[in-house]
């Protein structure tokens, strides 16, 4: 009977130690998860900023292209007028 009691006590000690280890591991994983969430939020903000920067750059390139086209059109008109004379 005593041997069985010792075995049960040891099993309980092993179970308690495992539960404590898993509890610590769970806390560590929760901390890592929280850190990952913060990192993801930061990266999402950076991505939005870069998207906005890309849109601004694209619109500025578009404006430059428009002015270039306007100048080409003006040159064509001048050339047509010259050829007509």
Protein backbone atom coordinates (compact mmCIF):
# COMPACT_ATOMS: atom_id res chain seq x y z
CA UNK A 1 0.00 0.00 0.00
CA UNK A 2 2.84 2.36 0.89
CA UNK A 3 4.57 1.67 -2.44
CA UNK A 4 1.38 2.53 -4.28
CA UNK A 5 1.06 5.76 -2.31
CA UNK A 6 4.65 6.69 -3.19
CA UNK A 7 3.97 5.98 -6.87
CA UNK A 8 0.82 8.12 -6.79
CA UNK A 9 2.72 10.91 -5.03
CA UNK A 10 5.49 10.77 -7.63
CA UNK A 11 2.95 10.80 -10.44
CA UNK A 12 1.30 13.87 -8.90
CA UNK A 13 4.69 15.58 -8.55
CA UNK A 14 5.48 14.85 -12.21
CA UNK A 15 2.06 16.13 -13.26
CA UNK A 16 2.43 19.31 -11.17
CA UNK A 17 5.91 19.96 -12.59
CA UNK A 18 4.59 19.44 -16.13
CA UNK A 19 1.66 21.79 -15.47
CA UNK A 20 4.04 24.47 -14.15
CA UNK A 21 6.35 24.02 -17.16
CA UNK A 22 3.44 24.28 -19.57
CA UNK A 23 2.15 27.36 -17.74
CA UNK A 24 5.54 29.08 -18.11
CA UNK A 25 5.76 28.04 -21.75
CA UNK A 26 2.25 29.38 -22.35
CA UNK A 27 3.18 32.75 -20.80
CA UNK A 28 6.33 32.94 -22.96
CA UNK A 29 4.32 32.15 -26.08
CA UNK A 30 1.73 34.78 -25.13
CA UNK A 31 4.48 37.39 -24.79
CA UNK A 32 5.88 36.40 -28.20
CA UNK A 33 2.39 36.57 -29.70
CA UNK A 34 1.87 40.07 -28.28
CA UNK A 35 5.26 41.14 -29.69
CA UNK A 36 4.32 39.72 -33.09
CA UNK A 37 1.01 41.61 -33.01
CA UNK A 38 2.84 44.87 -32.32
CA UNK A 39 5.32 44.12 -35.11
CA UNK A 40 2.48 43.34 -37.53
CA UNK A 41 0.71 46.60 -36.64
CA UNK A 42 3.94 48.53 -37.22
CA UNK A 43 4.54 46.81 -40.56
CA UNK A 44 0.94 47.43 -41.64
CA UNK A 45 1.35 51.15 -40.88
CA UNK A 46 4.62 51.23 -42.83
CA UNK A 47 2.93 49.44 -45.73
CA UNK A 48 0.12 52.01 -45.78
CA UNK A 49 2.66 54.86 -45.75
CA UNK A 50 4.59 53.26 -48.61
CA UNK A 51 1.38 52.75 -50.59
CA UNK A 52 0.54 56.43 -50.13
CA UNK A 53 4.08 57.43 -51.13
CA UNK A 54 3.81 55.25 -54.23
CA UNK A 55 0.47 56.83 -55.14
CA UNK A 56 1.90 60.33 -54.74
CA UNK A 57 4.94 59.40 -56.83
CA UNK A 58 2.72 57.84 -59.51
CA UNK A 59 0.49 60.90 -59.65
CA UNK A 60 3.54 63.16 -59.93
CA UNK A 61 4.88 61.00 -62.75
CA UNK A 62 1.47 61.22 -64.40
CA UNK A 63 1.56 65.02 -64.15
CA UNK A 64 5.02 65.10 -65.70
CA UNK A 65 3.78 62.86 -68.47
CA UNK A 66 0.79 65.16 -69.04
CA UNK A 67 3.01 68.22 -69.33
CA UNK A 68 5.32 66.33 -71.69
CA UNK A 69 2.32 65.37 -73.83
CA UNK A 70 1.08 68.96 -73.82
CA UNK A 71 4.47 70.14 -75.00
CA UNK A 72 4.56 67.48 -77.72
CA UNK A 73 1.08 68.53 -78.84
CA UNK A 74 2.16 72.16 -79.00
CA UNK A 75 5.23 71.19 -81.03
CA UNK A 76 3.03 69.20 -83.42
CA UNK A 77 0.69 72.18 -83.86
CA UNK A 78 3.68 74.42 -84.58
CA UNK A 79 5.06 71.91 -87.04
CA UNK A 80 1.67 71.57 -88.81
CA UNK A 81 1.39 75.36 -89.06
CA UNK A 82 4.91 75.55 -90.45
CA UNK A 83 4.22 72.83 -93.03
CA UNK A 84 0.97 74.56 -94.11
CA UNK A 85 2.87 77.77 -94.94
